[in-house]
Amino acid sequence: MFRTSLSIAALSALLLAQPHVATAQTKPGSPSQPAVATLININSASVVDLQALPGIGAKTAELIVEYRQKNGPFKKIEELMNVRGIGEKNFLNLRAQVTVAAQRADRGNQP
């Protein structure tokens, strides 16, 4: 009798928790969804543009621009980790959304 009651209680708890998990995964604006759909060139982006990146606030965006002004343009995106406040973990979240290459407007004309 006790085992049956325990099984029913465990199953009930599992079923009650399930809808909450599903809602949390589909909630818009959740941290698991990238906030930026296009690449941001860290060599030309403004402070406002940089703030659109996940985990980059006003202060960090200002530090990126300041670093760029003092040291010249970034040669590779990994140099972002030289900016105070951007560690490896934060960089790994950003790397798919940033670039240092100049974006070409005439891509449609290339073979």
PDB file of N, CA and C in Angstrom:
ATOM      1  N   MET A   1       0.826  -1.198   0.000  1.00  0.00           N
ATOM      2  CA  MET A   1       0.000   0.000   0.000  1.00  0.00           C
ATOM      3  C   MET A   1       0.866   1.255   0.000  1.00  0.00           C
ATOM      4  N   PHE A   2       1.897   1.235   0.856  1.00  0.00           N
ATOM      5  CA  PHE A   2       2.785   2.404   0.966  1.00  0.00           C
ATOM      6  C   PHE A   2       3.536   2.642  -0.339  1.00  0.00           C
ATOM      7  N   ARG A   3       4.014   1.537  -0.992  1.00  0.00           N
ATOM      8  CA  ARG A   3       4.732   1.679  -2.261  1.00  0.00           C
ATOM      9  C   ARG A   3       3.832   2.258  -3.342  1.00  0.00           C
ATOM     10  N   THR A   4       2.585   1.874  -3.369  1.00  0.00           N
ATOM     11  CA  THR A   4       1.643   2.392  -4.353  1.00  0.00           C
ATOM     12  C   THR A   4       1.393   3.876  -4.130  1.00  0.00           C
ATOM     13  N   SER A   5       1.229   4.275  -2.884  1.00  0.00           N
ATOM     14  CA  SER A   5       1.015   5.687  -2.569  1.00  0.00           C
ATOM     15  C   SER A   5       2.230   6.521  -2.937  1.00  0.00           C
ATOM     16  N   LEU A   6       3.404   5.986  -2.665  1.00  0.00           N
ATOM     17  CA  LEU A   6       4.649   6.692  -2.987  1.00  0.00           C
ATOM     18  C   LEU A   6       4.803   6.842  -4.495  1.00  0.00           C
ATOM     19  N   SER A   7       4.475   5.786  -5.228  1.00  0.00           N
ATOM     20  CA  SER A   7       4.556   5.841  -6.693  1.00  0.00           C
ATOM     21  C   SER A   7       3.596   6.869  -7.265  1.00  0.00           C
ATOM     22  N   ILE A   8       2.395   6.910  -6.733  1.00  0.00           N
ATOM     23  CA  ILE A   8       1.398   7.876  -7.208  1.00  0.00           C
ATOM     24  C   ILE A   8       1.846   9.297  -6.892  1.00  0.00           C
ATOM     25  N   ALA A   9       2.401   9.512  -5.716  1.00  0.00           N
ATOM     26  CA  ALA A   9       2.881  10.845  -5.334  1.00  0.00           C
ATOM     27  C   ALA A   9       4.029  11.281  -6.231  1.00  0.00           C
ATOM     28  N   ALA A  10       4.948  10.375  -6.529  1.00  0.00           N
ATOM     29  CA  ALA A  10       6.085  10.695  -7.402  1.00  0.00           C
ATOM     30  C   ALA A  10       5.610  11.008  -8.815  1.00  0.00           C
ATOM     31  N   LEU A  11       4.688  10.219  -9.316  1.00  0.00           N
ATOM     32  CA  LEU A  11       4.149  10.453 -10.651  1.00  0.00           C
ATOM     33  C   LEU A  11       3.411  11.787 -10.728  1.00  0.00           C
ATOM     34  N   SER A  12       2.645  12.105  -9.692  1.00  0.00           N
ATOM     35  CA  SER A  12       1.927  13.377  -9.651  1.00  0.00           C
ATOM     36  C   SER A  12       2.886  14.551  -9.652  1.00  0.00           C
ATOM     37  N   ALA A  13       3.944  14.441  -8.870  1.00  0.00           N
ATOM     38  CA  ALA A  13       4.939  15.517  -8.820  1.00  0.00           C
ATOM     39  C   ALA A  13       5.609  15.694 -10.172  1.00  0.00           C
ATOM     40  N   LEU A  14       5.901  14.589 -10.818  1.00  0.00           N
ATOM     41  CA  LEU A  14       6.524  14.648 -12.141  1.00  0.00           C
ATOM     42  C   LEU A  14       5.601  15.308 -13.163  1.00  0.00           C
ATOM     43  N   LEU A  15       4.338  14.947 -13.139  1.00  0.00           N
ATOM     44  CA  LEU A  15       3.375  15.527 -14.074  1.00  0.00           C
ATOM     45  C   LEU A  15       3.136  17.008 -13.806  1.00  0.00           C
ATOM     46  N   LEU A  16       3.147  17.395 -12.544  1.00  0.00           N
ATOM     47  CA  LEU A  16       2.951  18.802 -12.210  1.00  0.00           C
ATOM     48  C   LEU A  16       4.144  19.649 -12.640  1.00  0.00           C
ATOM     49  N   ALA A  17       5.334  19.089 -12.569  1.00  0.00           N
ATOM     50  CA  ALA A  17       6.545  19.836 -12.938  1.00  0.00           C
ATOM     51  C   ALA A  17       6.693  19.942 -14.443  1.00  0.00           C
ATOM     52  N   GLN A  18       6.200  18.988 -15.205  1.00  0.00           N
ATOM     53  CA  GLN A  18       6.377  18.952 -16.646  1.00  0.00           C
ATOM     54  C   GLN A  18       5.870  20.198 -17.377  1.00  0.00           C
ATOM     55  N   PRO A  19       4.646  20.707 -17.159  1.00  0.00           N
ATOM     56  CA  PRO A  19       4.201  21.893 -17.895  1.00  0.00           C
ATOM     57  C   PRO A  19       5.063  23.120 -17.615  1.00  0.00           C
ATOM     58  N   HIS A  20       5.592  23.246 -16.402  1.00  0.00           N
ATOM     59  CA  HIS A  20       6.429  24.391 -16.069  1.00  0.00           C
ATOM     60  C   HIS A  20       7.734  24.368 -16.846  1.00  0.00           C
ATOM     61  N   VAL A  21       8.299  23.209 -17.033  1.00  0.00           N
ATOM     62  CA  VAL A  21       9.534  23.078 -17.796  1.00  0.00           C
ATOM     63  C   VAL A  21       9.285  23.442 -19.244  1.00  0.00           C
ATOM     64  N   ALA A  22       8.203  22.954 -19.808  1.00  0.00           N
ATOM     65  CA  ALA A  22       7.892  23.240 -21.207  1.00  0.00           C
ATOM     66  C   ALA A  22       7.646  24.728 -21.418  1.00  0.00           C
ATOM     67  N   THR A  23       6.988  25.393 -20.500  1.00  0.00           N
ATOM     68  CA  THR A  23       6.722  26.820 -20.643  1.00  0.00           C
ATOM     69  C   THR A  23       8.015  27.614 -20.546  1.00  0.00           C
ATOM     70  N   ALA A  24       8.885  27.215 -19.670  1.00  0.00           N
ATOM     71  CA  ALA A  24      10.139  27.943 -19.495  1.00  0.00           C
ATOM     72  C   ALA A  24      11.003  27.830 -20.731  1.00  0.00           C
ATOM     73  N   GLN A  25      10.953  26.698 -21.434  1.00  0.00           N
ATOM     74  CA  GLN A  25      11.774  26.518 -22.615  1.00  0.00           C
ATOM     75  C   GLN A  25      11.254  27.309 -23.807  1.00  0.00           C
ATOM     76  N   THR A  26       9.969  27.585 -23.866  1.00  0.00           N
ATOM     77  CA  THR A  26       9.415  28.272 -25.019  1.00  0.00           C
ATOM     78  C   THR A  26       9.155  29.749 -24.759  1.00  0.00           C
ATOM     79  N   LYS A  27       9.476  30.219 -23.569  1.00  0.00           N
ATOM     80  CA  LYS A  27       9.231  31.621 -23.241  1.00  0.00           C
ATOM     81  C   LYS A  27      10.123  32.518 -24.108  1.00  0.00           C
ATOM     82  N   PRO A  28       9.541  33.492 -24.830  1.00  0.00           N
ATOM     83  CA  PRO A  28      10.349  34.375 -25.662  1.00  0.00           C
ATOM     84  C   PRO A  28      11.275  35.223 -24.801  1.00  0.00           C
ATOM     85  N   GLY A  29      12.471  35.456 -25.363  1.00  0.00           N
ATOM     86  CA  GLY A  29      13.431  36.294 -24.652  1.00  0.00           C
ATOM     87  C   GLY A  29      14.198  35.539 -23.590  1.00  0.00           C
ATOM     88  N   SER A  30      14.101  34.211 -23.604  1.00  0.00           N
ATOM     89  CA  SER A  30      14.842  33.438 -22.617  1.00  0.00           C
ATOM     90  C   SER A  30      16.321  33.491 -22.956  1.00  0.00           C
ATOM     91  N   PRO A  31      17.193  33.333 -21.952  1.00  0.00           N
ATOM     92  CA  PRO A  31      18.625  33.441 -22.174  1.00  0.00           C
ATOM     93  C   PRO A  31      19.171  32.434 -23.170  1.00  0.00           C
ATOM     94  N   SER A  32      18.482  31.333 -23.399  1.00  0.00           N
ATOM     95  CA  SER A  32      18.981  30.340 -24.332  1.00  0.00           C
ATOM     96  C   SER A  32      18.805  30.766 -25.787  1.00  0.00           C
ATOM     97  N   GLN A  33      17.948  31.728 -26.041  1.00  0.00           N
ATOM     98  CA  GLN A  33      17.746  32.199 -27.399  1.00  0.00           C
ATOM     99  C   GLN A  33      18.686  33.371 -27.662  1.00  0.00           C
ATOM    100  N   PRO A  34      19.395  33.371 -28.806  1.00  0.00           N
ATOM    101  CA  PRO A  34      20.274  34.486 -29.104  1.00  0.00           C
ATOM    102  C   PRO A  34      19.490  35.781 -29.284  1.00  0.00           C
ATOM    103  N   ALA A  35      19.991  36.853 -28.707  1.00  0.00           N
ATOM    104  CA  ALA A  35      19.316  38.135 -28.782  1.00  0.00           C
ATOM    105  C   ALA A  35      19.614  38.848 -30.109  1.00  0.00           C
ATOM    106  N   VAL A  36      20.675  38.441 -30.771  1.00  0.00           N
ATOM    107  CA  VAL A  36      21.107  39.113 -31.988  1.00  0.00           C
ATOM    108  C   VAL A  36      21.063  38.121 -33.145  1.00  0.00           C
ATOM    109  N   ALA A  37      20.396  38.484 -34.232  1.00  0.00           N
ATOM    110  CA  ALA A  37      20.263  37.584 -35.367  1.00  0.00           C
ATOM    111  C   ALA A  37      21.372  37.810 -36.393  1.00  0.00           C
ATOM    112  N   THR A  38      21.949  39.003 -36.458  1.00  0.00           N
ATOM    113  CA  THR A  38      22.982  39.314 -37.427  1.00  0.00           C
ATOM    114  C   THR A  38      24.324  39.472 -36.739  1.00  0.00           C
ATOM    115  N   LEU A  39      25.375  39.358 -37.524  1.00  0.00           N
ATOM    116  CA  LEU A  39      26.714  39.539 -36.987  1.00  0.00           C
ATOM    117  C   LEU A  39      26.989  41.010 -36.713  1.00  0.00           C
ATOM    118  N   ILE A  40      27.679  41.273 -35.634  1.00  0.00           N
ATOM    119  CA  ILE A  40      28.076  42.639 -35.291  1.00  0.00           C
ATOM    120  C   ILE A  40      29.584  42.735 -35.448  1.00  0.00           C
ATOM    121  N   ASN A  41      30.023  43.688 -36.250  1.00  0.00           N
ATOM    122  CA  ASN A  41      31.448  43.915 -36.456  1.00  0.00           C
ATOM    123  C   ASN A  41      31.976  44.704 -35.261  1.00  0.00           C
ATOM    124  N   ILE A  42      32.806  44.073 -34.451  1.00  0.00           N
ATOM    125  CA  ILE A  42      33.290  44.729 -33.235  1.00  0.00           C
ATOM    126  C   ILE A  42      34.297  45.839 -33.540  1.00  0.00           C
ATOM    127  N   ASN A  43      34.749  45.949 -34.796  1.00  0.00           N
ATOM    128  CA  ASN A  43      35.652  47.036 -35.167  1.00  0.00           C
ATOM    129  C   ASN A  43      34.919  48.307 -35.576  1.00  0.00           C
ATOM    130  N   SER A  44      33.640  48.189 -35.852  1.00  0.00           N
ATOM    131  CA  SER A  44      32.900  49.377 -36.281  1.00  0.00           C
ATOM    132  C   SER A  44      31.623  49.616 -35.481  1.00  0.00           C
ATOM    133  N   ALA A  45      31.282  48.705 -34.604  1.00  0.00           N
ATOM    134  CA  ALA A  45      30.033  48.820 -33.845  1.00  0.00           C
ATOM    135  C   ALA A  45      30.103  49.946 -32.828  1.00  0.00           C
ATOM    136  N   SER A  46      28.984  50.620 -32.654  1.00  0.00           N
ATOM    137  CA  SER A  46      28.894  51.672 -31.641  1.00  0.00           C
ATOM    138  C   SER A  46      28.604  51.033 -30.291  1.00  0.00           C
ATOM    139  N   VAL A  47      28.635  51.829 -29.237  1.00  0.00           N
ATOM    140  CA  VAL A  47      28.316  51.355 -27.896  1.00  0.00           C
ATOM    141  C   VAL A  47      26.903  50.776 -27.877  1.00  0.00           C
ATOM    142  N   VAL A  48      25.978  51.442 -28.540  1.00  0.00           N
ATOM    143  CA  VAL A  48      24.586  50.972 -28.586  1.00  0.00           C
ATOM    144  C   VAL A  48      24.499  49.629 -29.317  1.00  0.00           C
ATOM    145  N   ASP A  49      25.213  49.488 -30.429  1.00  0.00           N
ATOM    146  CA  ASP A  49      25.203  48.226 -31.176  1.00  0.00           C
ATOM    147  C   ASP A  49      25.752  47.086 -30.319  1.00  0.00           C
ATOM    148  N   LEU A  50      26.818  47.341 -29.595  1.00  0.00           N
ATOM    149  CA  LEU A  50      27.447  46.317 -28.767  1.00  0.00           C
ATOM    150  C   LEU A  50      26.545  45.874 -27.618  1.00  0.00           C
ATOM    151  N   GLN A  51      25.715  46.781 -27.127  1.00  0.00           N
ATOM    152  CA  GLN A  51      24.802  46.446 -26.032  1.00  0.00           C
ATOM    153  C   GLN A  51      23.726  45.459 -26.466  1.00  0.00           C
ATOM    154  N   ALA A  52      23.536  45.286 -27.759  1.00  0.00           N
ATOM    155  CA  ALA A  52      22.560  44.320 -28.256  1.00  0.00           C
ATOM    156  C   ALA A  52      23.058  42.888 -28.085  1.00  0.00           C
ATOM    157  N   LEU A  53      24.343  42.729 -27.817  1.00  0.00           N
ATOM    158  CA  LEU A  53      24.908  41.399 -27.602  1.00  0.00           C
ATOM    159  C   LEU A  53      24.558  40.888 -26.211  1.00  0.00           C
ATOM    160  N   PRO A  54      24.341  39.592 -26.076  1.00  0.00           N
ATOM    161  CA  PRO A  54      23.998  39.038 -24.757  1.00  0.00           C
ATOM    162  C   PRO A  54      25.157  39.168 -23.778  1.00  0.00           C
ATOM    163  N   GLY A  55      24.854  39.650 -22.595  1.00  0.00           N
ATOM    164  CA  GLY A  55      25.865  39.784 -21.551  1.00  0.00           C
ATOM    165  C   GLY A  55      26.706  41.041 -21.648  1.00  0.00           C
ATOM    166  N   ILE A  56      26.416  41.895 -22.618  1.00  0.00           N
ATOM    167  CA  ILE A  56      27.177  43.138 -22.786  1.00  0.00           C
ATOM    168  C   ILE A  56      26.287  44.301 -22.373  1.00  0.00           C
ATOM    169  N   GLY A  57      26.671  44.954 -21.300  1.00  0.00           N
ATOM    170  CA  GLY A  57      25.944  46.123 -20.825  1.00  0.00           C
ATOM    171  C   GLY A  57      26.637  47.396 -21.297  1.00  0.00           C
ATOM    172  N   ALA A  58      26.169  48.503 -20.813  1.00  0.00           N
ATOM    173  CA  ALA A  58      26.707  49.801 -21.230  1.00  0.00           C
ATOM    174  C   ALA A  58      28.188  49.928 -20.895  1.00  0.00           C
ATOM    175  N   LYS A  59      28.571  49.542 -19.694  1.00  0.00           N
ATOM    176  CA  LYS A  59      29.966  49.690 -19.262  1.00  0.00           C
ATOM    177  C   LYS A  59      30.899  48.813 -20.089  1.00  0.00           C
ATOM    178  N   THR A  60      30.526  47.558 -20.306  1.00  0.00           N
ATOM    179  CA  THR A  60      31.369  46.660 -21.096  1.00  0.00           C
ATOM    180  C   THR A  60      31.447  47.124 -22.541  1.00  0.00           C
ATOM    181  N   ALA A  61      30.353  47.617 -23.088  1.00  0.00           N
ATOM    182  CA  ALA A  61      30.357  48.133 -24.461  1.00  0.00           C
ATOM    183  C   ALA A  61      31.313  49.324 -24.569  1.00  0.00           C
ATOM    184  N   GLU A  62      31.299  50.192 -23.571  1.00  0.00           N
ATOM    185  CA  GLU A  62      32.228  51.328 -23.560  1.00  0.00           C
ATOM    186  C   GLU A  62      33.667  50.853 -23.476  1.00  0.00           C
ATOM    187  N   LEU A  63      33.914  49.807 -22.693  1.00  0.00           N
ATOM    188  CA  LEU A  63      35.275  49.272 -22.569  1.00  0.00           C
ATOM    189  C   LEU A  63      35.755  48.648 -23.883  1.00  0.00           C
ATOM    190  N   ILE A  64      34.852  48.033 -24.631  1.00  0.00           N
ATOM    191  CA  ILE A  64      35.224  47.467 -25.937  1.00  0.00           C
ATOM    192  C   ILE A  64      35.638  48.580 -26.893  1.00  0.00           C
ATOM    193  N   VAL A  65      34.847  49.639 -26.934  1.00  0.00           N
ATOM    194  CA  VAL A  65      35.164  50.769 -27.818  1.00  0.00           C
ATOM    195  C   VAL A  65      36.478  51.436 -27.375  1.00  0.00           C
ATOM    196  N   GLU A  66      36.657  51.590 -26.076  1.00  0.00           N
ATOM    197  CA  GLU A  66      37.882  52.196 -25.545  1.00  0.00           C
ATOM    198  C   GLU A  66      39.099  51.334 -25.893  1.00  0.00           C
ATOM    199  N   TYR A  67      38.982  50.033 -25.747  1.00  0.00           N
ATOM    200  CA  TYR A  67      40.069  49.117 -26.086  1.00  0.00           C
ATOM    201  C   TYR A  67      40.415  49.242 -27.568  1.00  0.00           C
ATOM    202  N   ARG A  68      39.389  49.312 -28.403  1.00  0.00           N
ATOM    203  CA  ARG A  68      39.580  49.423 -29.854  1.00  0.00           C
ATOM    204  C   ARG A  68      40.287  50.731 -30.215  1.00  0.00           C
ATOM    205  N   GLN A  69      39.935  51.817 -29.517  1.00  0.00           N
ATOM    206  CA  GLN A  69      40.566  53.109 -29.793  1.00  0.00           C
ATOM    207  C   GLN A  69      42.032  53.122 -29.367  1.00  0.00           C
ATOM    208  N   LYS A  70      42.342  52.479 -28.248  1.00  0.00           N
ATOM    209  CA  LYS A  70      43.713  52.466 -27.740  1.00  0.00           C
ATOM    210  C   LYS A  70      44.618  51.500 -28.490  1.00  0.00           C
ATOM    211  N   ASN A  71      44.076  50.352 -28.889  1.00  0.00           N
ATOM    212  CA  ASN A  71      44.897  49.281 -29.456  1.00  0.00           C
ATOM    213  C   ASN A  71      44.710  49.064 -30.952  1.00  0.00           C
ATOM    214  N   GLY A  72      43.852  49.824 -31.574  1.00  0.00           N
ATOM    215  CA  GLY A  72      43.575  49.619 -32.985  1.00  0.00           C
ATOM    216  C   GLY A  72      42.502  48.563 -33.168  1.00  0.00           C
ATOM    217  N   PRO A  73      42.153  48.288 -34.418  1.00  0.00           N
ATOM    218  CA  PRO A  73      41.064  47.338 -34.682  1.00  0.00           C
ATOM    219  C   PRO A  73      41.433  45.925 -34.222  1.00  0.00           C
ATOM    220  N   PHE A  74      40.407  45.171 -33.863  1.00  0.00           N
ATOM    221  CA  PHE A  74      40.603  43.775 -33.488  1.00  0.00           C
ATOM    222  C   PHE A  74      41.015  42.993 -34.734  1.00  0.00           C
ATOM    223  N   LYS A  75      42.012  42.142 -34.597  1.00  0.00           N
ATOM    224  CA  LYS A  75      42.437  41.314 -35.725  1.00  0.00           C
ATOM    225  C   LYS A  75      41.675  39.993 -35.744  1.00  0.00           C
ATOM    226  N   LYS A  76      41.291  39.514 -34.576  1.00  0.00           N
ATOM    227  CA  LYS A  76      40.483  38.308 -34.475  1.00  0.00           C
ATOM    228  C   LYS A  76      39.539  38.458 -33.284  1.00  0.00           C
ATOM    229  N   ILE A  77      38.418  37.764 -33.338  1.00  0.00           N
ATOM    230  CA  ILE A  77      37.387  37.954 -32.312  1.00  0.00           C
ATOM    231  C   ILE A  77      37.855  37.510 -30.933  1.00  0.00           C
ATOM    232  N   GLU A  78      38.815  36.611 -30.862  1.00  0.00           N
ATOM    233  CA  GLU A  78      39.321  36.143 -29.572  1.00  0.00           C
ATOM    234  C   GLU A  78      39.959  37.267 -28.756  1.00  0.00           C
ATOM    235  N   GLU A  79      40.364  38.337 -29.419  1.00  0.00           N
ATOM    236  CA  GLU A  79      40.944  39.481 -28.714  1.00  0.00           C
ATOM    237  C   GLU A  79      39.931  40.157 -27.792  1.00  0.00           C
ATOM    238  N   LEU A  80      38.657  39.864 -27.962  1.00  0.00           N
ATOM    239  CA  LEU A  80      37.638  40.413 -27.061  1.00  0.00           C
ATOM    240  C   LEU A  80      37.921  40.022 -25.612  1.00  0.00           C
ATOM    241  N   MET A  81      38.571  38.877 -25.425  1.00  0.00           N
ATOM    242  CA  MET A  81      38.870  38.431 -24.064  1.00  0.00           C
ATOM    243  C   MET A  81      39.940  39.302 -23.398  1.00  0.00           C
ATOM    244  N   ASN A  82      40.590  40.177 -24.163  1.00  0.00           N
ATOM    245  CA  ASN A  82      41.541  41.130 -23.597  1.00  0.00           C
ATOM    246  C   ASN A  82      40.836  42.317 -22.944  1.00  0.00           C
ATOM    247  N   VAL A  83      39.552  42.475 -23.229  1.00  0.00           N
ATOM    248  CA  VAL A  83      38.762  43.573 -22.669  1.00  0.00           C
ATOM    249  C   VAL A  83      38.318  43.172 -21.264  1.00  0.00           C
ATOM    250  N   ARG A  84      38.547  44.048 -20.320  1.00  0.00           N
ATOM    251  CA  ARG A  84      38.151  43.790 -18.941  1.00  0.00           C
ATOM    252  C   ARG A  84      36.652  43.517 -18.890  1.00  0.00           C
ATOM    253  N   GLY A  85      36.272  42.431 -18.224  1.00  0.00           N
ATOM    254  CA  GLY A  85      34.862  42.081 -18.091  1.00  0.00           C
ATOM    255  C   GLY A  85      34.398  41.016 -19.069  1.00  0.00           C
ATOM    256  N   ILE A  86      35.250  40.664 -20.031  1.00  0.00           N
ATOM    257  CA  ILE A  86      34.880  39.606 -20.972  1.00  0.00           C
ATOM    258  C   ILE A  86      35.853  38.449 -20.774  1.00  0.00           C
ATOM    259  N   GLY A  87      35.361  37.433 -20.130  1.00  0.00           N
ATOM    260  CA  GLY A  87      36.155  36.235 -19.906  1.00  0.00           C
ATOM    261  C   GLY A  87      35.829  35.190 -20.946  1.00  0.00           C
ATOM    262  N   GLU A  88      36.388  34.022 -20.747  1.00  0.00           N
ATOM    263  CA  GLU A  88      36.188  32.942 -21.713  1.00  0.00           C
ATOM    264  C   GLU A  88      34.723  32.530 -21.812  1.00  0.00           C
ATOM    265  N   LYS A  89      34.043  32.443 -20.684  1.00  0.00           N
ATOM    266  CA  LYS A  89      32.639  32.023 -20.686  1.00  0.00           C
ATOM    267  C   LYS A  89      31.770  33.021 -21.449  1.00  0.00           C
ATOM    268  N   ASN A  90      31.966  34.306 -21.196  1.00  0.00           N
ATOM    269  CA  ASN A  90      31.200  35.335 -21.894  1.00  0.00           C
ATOM    270  C   ASN A  90      31.546  35.333 -23.382  1.00  0.00           C
ATOM    271  N   PHE A  91      32.833  35.156 -23.690  1.00  0.00           N
ATOM    272  CA  PHE A  91      33.260  35.125 -25.091  1.00  0.00           C
ATOM    273  C   PHE A  91      32.599  33.979 -25.841  1.00  0.00           C
ATOM    274  N   LEU A  92      32.517  32.812 -25.206  1.00  0.00           N
ATOM    275  CA  LEU A  92      31.908  31.659 -25.871  1.00  0.00           C
ATOM    276  C   LEU A  92      30.449  31.923 -26.223  1.00  0.00           C
ATOM    277  N   ASN A  93      29.764  32.740 -25.424  1.00  0.00           N
ATOM    278  CA  ASN A  93      28.372  33.105 -25.730  1.00  0.00           C
ATOM    279  C   ASN A  93      28.293  34.118 -26.864  1.00  0.00           C
ATOM    280  N   LEU A  94      29.362  34.878 -27.069  1.00  0.00           N
ATOM    281  CA  LEU A  94      29.351  35.951 -28.070  1.00  0.00           C
ATOM    282  C   LEU A  94      29.910  35.544 -29.429  1.00  0.00           C
ATOM    283  N   ARG A  95      30.800  34.578 -29.458  1.00  0.00           N
ATOM    284  CA  ARG A  95      31.598  34.333 -30.655  1.00  0.00           C
ATOM    285  C   ARG A  95      30.799  34.081 -31.929  1.00  0.00           C
ATOM    286  N   ALA A  96      29.618  33.507 -31.837  1.00  0.00           N
ATOM    287  CA  ALA A  96      28.812  33.250 -33.030  1.00  0.00           C
ATOM    288  C   ALA A  96      28.122  34.511 -33.535  1.00  0.00           C
ATOM    289  N   GLN A  97      28.158  35.581 -32.743  1.00  0.00           N
ATOM    290  CA  GLN A  97      27.405  36.785 -33.091  1.00  0.00           C
ATOM    291  C   GLN A  97      28.290  37.979 -33.417  1.00  0.00           C
ATOM    292  N   VAL A  98      29.616  37.796 -33.369  1.00  0.00           N
ATOM    293  CA  VAL A  98      30.520  38.907 -33.646  1.00  0.00           C
ATOM    294  C   VAL A  98      31.482  38.544 -34.762  1.00  0.00           C
ATOM    295  N   THR A  99      31.989  39.576 -35.407  1.00  0.00           N
ATOM    296  CA  THR A  99      32.955  39.402 -36.481  1.00  0.00           C
ATOM    297  C   THR A  99      33.925  40.579 -36.467  1.00  0.00           C
ATOM    298  N   VAL A 100      35.067  40.403 -37.131  1.00  0.00           N
ATOM    299  CA  VAL A 100      35.999  41.508 -37.307  1.00  0.00           C
ATOM    300  C   VAL A 100      36.167  41.813 -38.789  1.00  0.00           C
ATOM    301  N   ALA A 101      35.606  40.968 -39.636  1.00  0.00           N
ATOM    302  CA  ALA A 101      35.709  41.141 -41.081  1.00  0.00           C
ATOM    303  C   ALA A 101      34.744  42.215 -41.550  1.00  0.00           C
ATOM    304  N   ALA A 102      35.169  42.948 -42.550  1.00  0.00           N
ATOM    305  CA  ALA A 102      34.286  43.948 -43.143  1.00  0.00           C
ATOM    306  C   ALA A 102      33.184  43.227 -43.899  1.00  0.00           C
ATOM    307  N   GLN A 103      31.950  43.638 -43.672  1.00  0.00           N
ATOM    308  CA  GLN A 103      30.828  43.025 -44.372  1.00  0.00           C
ATOM    309  C   GLN A 103      30.697  43.674 -45.736  1.00  0.00           C
ATOM    310  N   ARG A 104      30.610  42.845 -46.758  1.00  0.00           N
ATOM    311  CA  ARG A 104      30.536  43.356 -48.124  1.00  0.00           C
ATOM    312  C   ARG A 104      29.079  43.478 -48.555  1.00  0.00           C
ATOM    313  N   ALA A 105      28.759  44.601 -49.147  1.00  0.00           N
ATOM    314  CA  ALA A 105      27.387  44.859 -49.592  1.00  0.00           C
ATOM    315  C   ALA A 105      27.086  44.176 -50.908  1.00  0.00           C
ATOM    316  N   ASP A 106      28.146  43.831 -51.669  1.00  0.00           N
ATOM    317  CA  ASP A 106      27.931  43.284 -53.010  1.00  0.00           C
ATOM    318  C   ASP A 106      28.096  41.763 -53.026  1.00  0.00           C
ATOM    319  N   ARG A 107      27.678  41.059 -52.010  1.00  0.00           N
ATOM    320  CA  ARG A 107      27.809  39.604 -51.953  1.00  0.00           C
ATOM    321  C   ARG A 107      27.028  38.926 -53.063  1.00  0.00           C
ATOM    322  N   GLY A 108      25.914  39.482 -53.473  1.00  0.00           N
ATOM    323  CA  GLY A 108      25.102  38.875 -54.517  1.00  0.00           C
ATOM    324  C   GLY A 108      25.787  38.856 -55.868  1.00  0.00           C
ATOM    325  N   ASN A 109      26.807  39.685 -56.091  1.00  0.00           N
ATOM    326  CA  ASN A 109      27.499  39.760 -57.365  1.00  0.00           C
ATOM    327  C   ASN A 109      28.655  38.787 -57.453  1.00  0.00           C
ATOM    328  N   GLN A 110      28.988  38.101 -56.368  1.00  0.00           N
ATOM    329  CA  GLN A 110      30.115  37.164 -56.406  1.00  0.00           C
ATOM    330  C   GLN A 110      29.656  35.838 -56.972  1.00  0.00           C
ATOM    331  N   PRO A 111      30.563  35.139 -57.686  1.00  0.00           N
ATOM    332  CA  PRO A 111      30.195  33.837 -58.257  1.00  0.00           C
ATOM    333  C   PRO A 111      30.053  32.786 -57.189  1.00  0.00           C
TER     334      PRO A 111
END
